[in-house]
Amino acid sequence: MTTLEFQAELDARGLFCPEPVMMLHTRINDVGVGEVLRVVATDPSTTRDIPRFCQFLGHELLSQQELEGEFHFLIRRCES
């Protein structure tokens, strides 16, 4: 497993759809363009919703992993 550097984090553990993506939509605006946000969630629907969020808004999904029942995402903010 490669560990990538991130500048900010969003803890969405224990939250269910649509809350993680709603929080991500707000939190990504706090991250500078080119910086990386790490998201940790427990809702399996995030494995579908977060990649779609990135594709729709033009952010780069660098990594998506399931680790010990949690879903970890690294997202690079792009200009939008």
N, C-alpha and C. Protein backbone atom coordinates (compact mmCIF):
# COMPACT_ATOMS: atom_id res chain seq x y z
N MET A 1 0.85 -1.18 0.00
CA MET A 1 0.00 0.00 0.00
C MET A 1 0.89 1.24 0.00
N THR A 2 0.60 2.16 -0.88
CA THR A 2 1.33 3.41 -0.95
C THR A 2 0.62 4.45 -0.10
N THR A 3 1.37 5.14 0.74
CA THR A 3 0.79 6.20 1.54
C THR A 3 1.03 7.52 0.84
N LEU A 4 -0.05 8.18 0.49
CA LEU A 4 0.03 9.48 -0.15
C LEU A 4 -0.18 10.57 0.89
N GLU A 5 0.45 11.70 0.67
CA GLU A 5 0.33 12.82 1.58
C GLU A 5 -1.00 13.52 1.36
N PHE A 6 -1.59 14.02 2.44
CA PHE A 6 -2.82 14.79 2.33
C PHE A 6 -2.73 16.00 3.25
N GLN A 7 -3.43 17.07 2.87
CA GLN A 7 -3.37 18.31 3.62
C GLN A 7 -4.58 18.52 4.54
N ALA A 8 -5.66 17.81 4.30
CA ALA A 8 -6.89 17.97 5.09
C ALA A 8 -7.61 16.63 5.17
N GLU A 9 -8.50 16.53 6.13
CA GLU A 9 -9.21 15.27 6.33
C GLU A 9 -10.68 15.54 6.65
N LEU A 10 -11.53 14.61 6.19
CA LEU A 10 -12.95 14.63 6.50
C LEU A 10 -13.30 13.29 7.12
N ASP A 11 -13.76 13.29 8.35
CA ASP A 11 -14.17 12.07 9.04
C ASP A 11 -15.69 11.95 8.91
N ALA A 12 -16.12 11.03 8.06
CA ALA A 12 -17.56 10.82 7.83
C ALA A 12 -18.00 9.46 8.39
N ARG A 13 -17.22 8.92 9.32
CA ARG A 13 -17.58 7.62 9.92
C ARG A 13 -18.88 7.74 10.69
N GLY A 14 -19.74 6.73 10.53
CA GLY A 14 -21.02 6.70 11.23
C GLY A 14 -22.14 7.45 10.52
N LEU A 15 -21.82 8.13 9.43
CA LEU A 15 -22.82 8.88 8.69
C LEU A 15 -23.30 8.06 7.49
N PHE A 16 -24.54 8.29 7.10
CA PHE A 16 -25.13 7.55 5.99
C PHE A 16 -25.56 8.50 4.88
N CYS A 17 -25.66 7.95 3.67
CA CYS A 17 -26.06 8.68 2.48
C CYS A 17 -27.31 9.50 2.78
N PRO A 18 -27.31 10.76 2.43
CA PRO A 18 -26.37 11.51 1.60
C PRO A 18 -25.36 12.35 2.39
N GLU A 19 -25.31 12.18 3.72
CA GLU A 19 -24.47 13.05 4.55
C GLU A 19 -22.99 13.08 4.17
N PRO A 20 -22.32 11.94 3.92
CA PRO A 20 -20.89 12.02 3.59
C PRO A 20 -20.60 12.88 2.36
N VAL A 21 -21.40 12.75 1.33
CA VAL A 21 -21.16 13.53 0.11
C VAL A 21 -21.54 14.99 0.33
N MET A 22 -22.55 15.26 1.11
CA MET A 22 -22.91 16.64 1.42
C MET A 22 -21.77 17.32 2.19
N MET A 23 -21.20 16.60 3.15
CA MET A 23 -20.07 17.14 3.91
C MET A 23 -18.84 17.32 3.01
N LEU A 24 -18.62 16.36 2.11
CA LEU A 24 -17.50 16.45 1.18
C LEU A 24 -17.65 17.68 0.29
N HIS A 25 -18.86 17.94 -0.16
CA HIS A 25 -19.11 19.09 -1.04
C HIS A 25 -18.70 20.40 -0.34
N THR A 26 -18.96 20.49 0.95
CA THR A 26 -18.59 21.67 1.72
C THR A 26 -17.09 21.68 2.02
N ARG A 27 -16.56 20.54 2.44
CA ARG A 27 -15.16 20.46 2.90
C ARG A 27 -14.16 20.67 1.76
N ILE A 28 -14.48 20.20 0.56
CA ILE A 28 -13.54 20.33 -0.56
C ILE A 28 -13.25 21.81 -0.86
N ASN A 29 -14.19 22.69 -0.55
CA ASN A 29 -13.99 24.12 -0.78
C ASN A 29 -12.99 24.74 0.20
N ASP A 30 -12.72 24.05 1.30
CA ASP A 30 -11.73 24.52 2.28
C ASP A 30 -10.31 24.12 1.91
N VAL A 31 -10.19 23.27 0.90
CA VAL A 31 -8.89 22.74 0.47
C VAL A 31 -8.43 23.55 -0.75
N GLY A 32 -7.16 23.91 -0.77
CA GLY A 32 -6.64 24.66 -1.90
C GLY A 32 -6.58 23.82 -3.17
N VAL A 33 -6.66 24.47 -4.31
CA VAL A 33 -6.54 23.77 -5.59
C VAL A 33 -5.19 23.07 -5.63
N GLY A 34 -5.19 21.79 -5.96
CA GLY A 34 -3.97 20.98 -6.02
C GLY A 34 -3.68 20.24 -4.73
N GLU A 35 -4.35 20.61 -3.65
CA GLU A 35 -4.14 19.91 -2.37
C GLU A 35 -5.01 18.66 -2.30
N VAL A 36 -4.68 17.79 -1.35
CA VAL A 36 -5.34 16.49 -1.24
C VAL A 36 -6.14 16.43 0.06
N LEU A 37 -7.37 15.97 -0.08
CA LEU A 37 -8.28 15.75 1.05
C LEU A 37 -8.45 14.25 1.25
N ARG A 38 -8.27 13.80 2.48
CA ARG A 38 -8.52 12.39 2.81
C ARG A 38 -9.91 12.30 3.43
N VAL A 39 -10.71 11.35 2.94
CA VAL A 39 -12.05 11.11 3.47
C VAL A 39 -12.07 9.69 4.04
N VAL A 40 -12.59 9.56 5.26
CA VAL A 40 -12.77 8.25 5.88
C VAL A 40 -14.25 8.10 6.17
N ALA A 41 -14.84 7.01 5.69
CA ALA A 41 -16.28 6.79 5.85
C ALA A 41 -16.55 5.33 6.16
N THR A 42 -17.74 5.06 6.69
CA THR A 42 -18.15 3.68 6.97
C THR A 42 -19.34 3.25 6.11
N ASP A 43 -19.98 4.17 5.43
CA ASP A 43 -21.14 3.85 4.60
C ASP A 43 -20.67 3.27 3.27
N PRO A 44 -21.04 2.01 2.96
CA PRO A 44 -20.61 1.40 1.70
C PRO A 44 -21.04 2.17 0.46
N SER A 45 -22.10 2.96 0.54
CA SER A 45 -22.54 3.71 -0.64
C SER A 45 -21.52 4.77 -1.05
N THR A 46 -20.59 5.13 -0.16
CA THR A 46 -19.56 6.10 -0.52
C THR A 46 -18.65 5.56 -1.61
N THR A 47 -18.53 4.23 -1.72
CA THR A 47 -17.68 3.66 -2.76
C THR A 47 -18.23 3.94 -4.15
N ARG A 48 -19.50 4.24 -4.23
CA ARG A 48 -20.13 4.63 -5.48
C ARG A 48 -20.27 6.15 -5.57
N ASP A 49 -20.70 6.77 -4.47
CA ASP A 49 -21.03 8.19 -4.49
C ASP A 49 -19.83 9.12 -4.59
N ILE A 50 -18.74 8.80 -3.90
CA ILE A 50 -17.58 9.69 -3.92
C ILE A 50 -16.88 9.69 -5.28
N PRO A 51 -16.67 8.53 -5.93
CA PRO A 51 -16.13 8.60 -7.29
C PRO A 51 -17.01 9.39 -8.25
N ARG A 52 -18.33 9.25 -8.13
CA ARG A 52 -19.24 10.02 -8.99
C ARG A 52 -19.14 11.51 -8.69
N PHE A 53 -19.03 11.86 -7.41
CA PHE A 53 -18.85 13.25 -7.01
C PHE A 53 -17.61 13.83 -7.69
N CYS A 54 -16.51 13.09 -7.61
CA CYS A 54 -15.26 13.57 -8.20
C CYS A 54 -15.38 13.73 -9.71
N GLN A 55 -15.97 12.75 -10.36
CA GLN A 55 -16.13 12.80 -11.81
C GLN A 55 -17.02 13.97 -12.22
N PHE A 56 -18.11 14.17 -11.52
CA PHE A 56 -19.07 15.22 -11.86
C PHE A 56 -18.48 16.61 -11.66
N LEU A 57 -17.70 16.80 -10.58
CA LEU A 57 -17.17 18.12 -10.27
C LEU A 57 -15.73 18.33 -10.75
N GLY A 58 -15.13 17.31 -11.35
CA GLY A 58 -13.82 17.46 -11.94
C GLY A 58 -12.65 17.37 -10.98
N HIS A 59 -12.84 16.73 -9.82
CA HIS A 59 -11.76 16.52 -8.88
C HIS A 59 -11.13 15.16 -9.17
N GLU A 60 -9.87 14.98 -8.77
CA GLU A 60 -9.14 13.76 -9.08
C GLU A 60 -9.17 12.80 -7.90
N LEU A 61 -9.76 11.62 -8.12
CA LEU A 61 -9.77 10.57 -7.10
C LEU A 61 -8.44 9.82 -7.21
N LEU A 62 -7.56 10.05 -6.25
CA LEU A 62 -6.21 9.48 -6.29
C LEU A 62 -6.18 8.06 -5.76
N SER A 63 -7.03 7.77 -4.79
CA SER A 63 -6.97 6.47 -4.12
C SER A 63 -8.32 6.16 -3.50
N GLN A 64 -8.69 4.89 -3.53
CA GLN A 64 -9.91 4.41 -2.89
C GLN A 64 -9.61 3.03 -2.34
N GLN A 65 -9.72 2.87 -1.02
CA GLN A 65 -9.40 1.59 -0.39
C GLN A 65 -10.37 1.28 0.73
N GLU A 66 -10.58 -0.02 0.97
CA GLU A 66 -11.32 -0.45 2.14
C GLU A 66 -10.31 -1.02 3.12
N LEU A 67 -10.29 -0.47 4.32
CA LEU A 67 -9.36 -0.90 5.36
C LEU A 67 -10.12 -1.15 6.65
N GLU A 68 -10.18 -2.40 7.07
CA GLU A 68 -10.81 -2.77 8.34
C GLU A 68 -12.23 -2.22 8.48
N GLY A 69 -13.01 -2.36 7.42
CA GLY A 69 -14.41 -1.95 7.45
C GLY A 69 -14.65 -0.47 7.24
N GLU A 70 -13.59 0.27 6.95
CA GLU A 70 -13.72 1.68 6.64
C GLU A 70 -13.29 1.92 5.21
N PHE A 71 -13.84 2.97 4.62
CA PHE A 71 -13.54 3.32 3.24
C PHE A 71 -12.72 4.60 3.25
N HIS A 72 -11.55 4.53 2.64
CA HIS A 72 -10.60 5.65 2.62
C HIS A 72 -10.46 6.16 1.19
N PHE A 73 -10.54 7.46 1.03
CA PHE A 73 -10.44 8.10 -0.27
C PHE A 73 -9.43 9.25 -0.17
N LEU A 74 -8.63 9.41 -1.20
CA LEU A 74 -7.77 10.58 -1.34
C LEU A 74 -8.20 11.32 -2.59
N ILE A 75 -8.54 12.59 -2.42
CA ILE A 75 -9.10 13.40 -3.51
C ILE A 75 -8.26 14.65 -3.68
N ARG A 76 -7.76 14.87 -4.90
CA ARG A 76 -7.05 16.11 -5.19
C ARG A 76 -8.05 17.12 -5.73
N ARG A 77 -8.10 18.27 -5.09
CA ARG A 77 -9.02 19.32 -5.56
C ARG A 77 -8.48 19.93 -6.84
N CYS A 78 -9.32 19.97 -7.83
CA CYS A 78 -8.99 20.60 -9.10
C CYS A 78 -9.84 21.85 -9.23
N GLU A 79 -9.48 22.71 -10.16
CA GLU A 79 -10.27 23.93 -10.39
C GLU A 79 -11.67 23.52 -10.85
N SER A 80 -12.65 24.15 -10.28
CA SER A 80 -14.02 23.85 -10.71
C SER A 80 -14.87 25.09 -10.70
